[in-house]
Amino acid sequence: MKQPILLIGLCALAGCASRSQFQKGYEKGAADAVKRQYWIEQSLQKPGKNPERHLSVYKLTVPPDPDAKVKTVPYEIAIPICN
């Protein structure tokens, strides 16, 4: 009678130990992914590593809406585009 209970207890403990090992491996993998992402961001921000960037600015004139109840004046907006 004690042998089956002992056997079940040992199997349960072995399962817990493997789950703990799995959890430790998962946490290490997650930490490694965060570190990799950090270093990718760092390397992208280094000057000289990136291809030359070109800044274009597009200017648009927004006319007033003739159907609006409030009268406005035309205005200009600038849209910066990095290539």
Protein backbone atom coordinates (compact mmCIF):
# COMPACT_ATOMS: atom_id res chain seq x y z
CA MET A 1 0.00 0.00 0.00
CA LYS A 2 2.84 2.40 0.77
CA GLN A 3 4.73 1.60 -2.44
CA PRO A 4 2.12 3.04 -4.85
CA ILE A 5 1.82 6.20 -2.76
CA LEU A 6 5.60 6.54 -2.64
CA LEU A 7 5.82 5.96 -6.40
CA ILE A 8 3.14 8.58 -7.10
CA GLY A 9 4.91 11.02 -4.77
CA LEU A 10 8.23 10.53 -6.57
CA CYS A 11 6.60 11.04 -9.97
CA ALA A 12 4.96 14.23 -8.75
CA LEU A 13 8.26 15.56 -7.42
CA ALA A 14 10.03 14.72 -10.68
CA GLY A 15 7.33 16.56 -12.62
CA CYS A 16 7.71 19.63 -10.42
CA ALA A 17 11.47 19.62 -10.86
CA SER A 18 11.22 19.45 -14.65
CA ARG A 19 8.64 22.24 -14.67
CA SER A 20 11.00 24.36 -12.62
CA GLN A 21 13.80 23.68 -15.09
CA PHE A 22 11.48 24.56 -17.94
CA GLN A 23 10.50 27.82 -16.24
CA LYS A 24 14.15 28.72 -15.66
CA GLY A 25 14.95 28.08 -19.32
CA TYR A 26 11.96 30.13 -20.44
CA GLU A 27 13.02 33.07 -18.26
CA LYS A 28 16.58 32.92 -19.60
CA GLY A 29 15.29 32.87 -23.16
CA ALA A 30 13.03 35.86 -22.52
CA ALA A 31 15.89 37.80 -20.94
CA ASP A 32 18.10 36.95 -23.92
CA ALA A 33 15.47 38.26 -26.34
CA VAL A 34 15.28 41.55 -24.45
CA LYS A 35 19.07 41.91 -24.52
CA ARG A 36 19.16 41.20 -28.24
CA GLN A 37 16.49 43.82 -28.92
CA TYR A 38 18.44 46.34 -26.80
CA TRP A 39 21.64 45.79 -28.79
CA ILE A 40 19.79 45.95 -32.10
CA GLU A 41 18.43 49.36 -31.10
CA GLN A 42 21.90 50.49 -30.00
CA SER A 43 23.50 49.47 -33.28
CA LEU A 44 20.81 51.23 -35.30
CA GLN A 45 21.48 54.48 -33.46
CA LYS A 46 25.24 54.49 -34.12
CA PRO A 47 26.33 57.16 -36.58
CA GLY A 48 28.03 55.82 -39.68
CA LYS A 49 26.32 52.44 -39.55
CA ASN A 50 23.10 53.65 -41.11
CA PRO A 51 22.79 54.46 -44.80
CA GLU A 52 22.60 58.14 -45.55
CA ARG A 53 19.25 59.65 -44.71
CA HIS A 54 17.59 62.33 -46.73
CA LEU A 55 15.02 64.68 -45.26
CA SER A 56 12.28 65.97 -47.53
CA VAL A 57 9.71 68.51 -46.42
CA TYR A 58 6.42 68.71 -48.26
CA LYS A 59 4.42 71.90 -47.79
CA LEU A 60 0.67 71.83 -48.27
CA THR A 61 -1.68 74.78 -48.26
CA VAL A 62 -5.01 74.04 -46.60
CA PRO A 63 -7.75 76.25 -48.04
CA PRO A 64 -10.68 77.37 -45.90
CA ASP A 65 -13.88 75.35 -46.08
CA PRO A 66 -16.45 77.45 -47.95
CA ASP A 67 -19.35 75.57 -46.30
CA ALA A 68 -18.07 76.05 -42.73
CA LYS A 69 -19.97 78.32 -40.35
CA VAL A 70 -16.74 79.73 -38.95
CA LYS A 71 -14.62 81.57 -41.48
CA THR A 72 -10.90 80.73 -41.49
CA VAL A 73 -7.87 81.80 -43.48
CA PRO A 74 -5.76 79.46 -45.58
CA TYR A 75 -2.80 77.99 -43.72
CA GLU A 76 0.22 75.93 -44.59
CA ILE A 77 1.41 72.70 -43.03
CA ALA A 78 4.81 71.08 -43.49
CA ILE A 79 5.16 67.29 -43.52
CA PRO A 80 8.71 66.01 -42.91
CA ILE A 81 9.60 62.72 -44.64
CA CYS A 82 12.81 60.81 -43.83
CA ASN A 83 14.12 58.59 -46.60
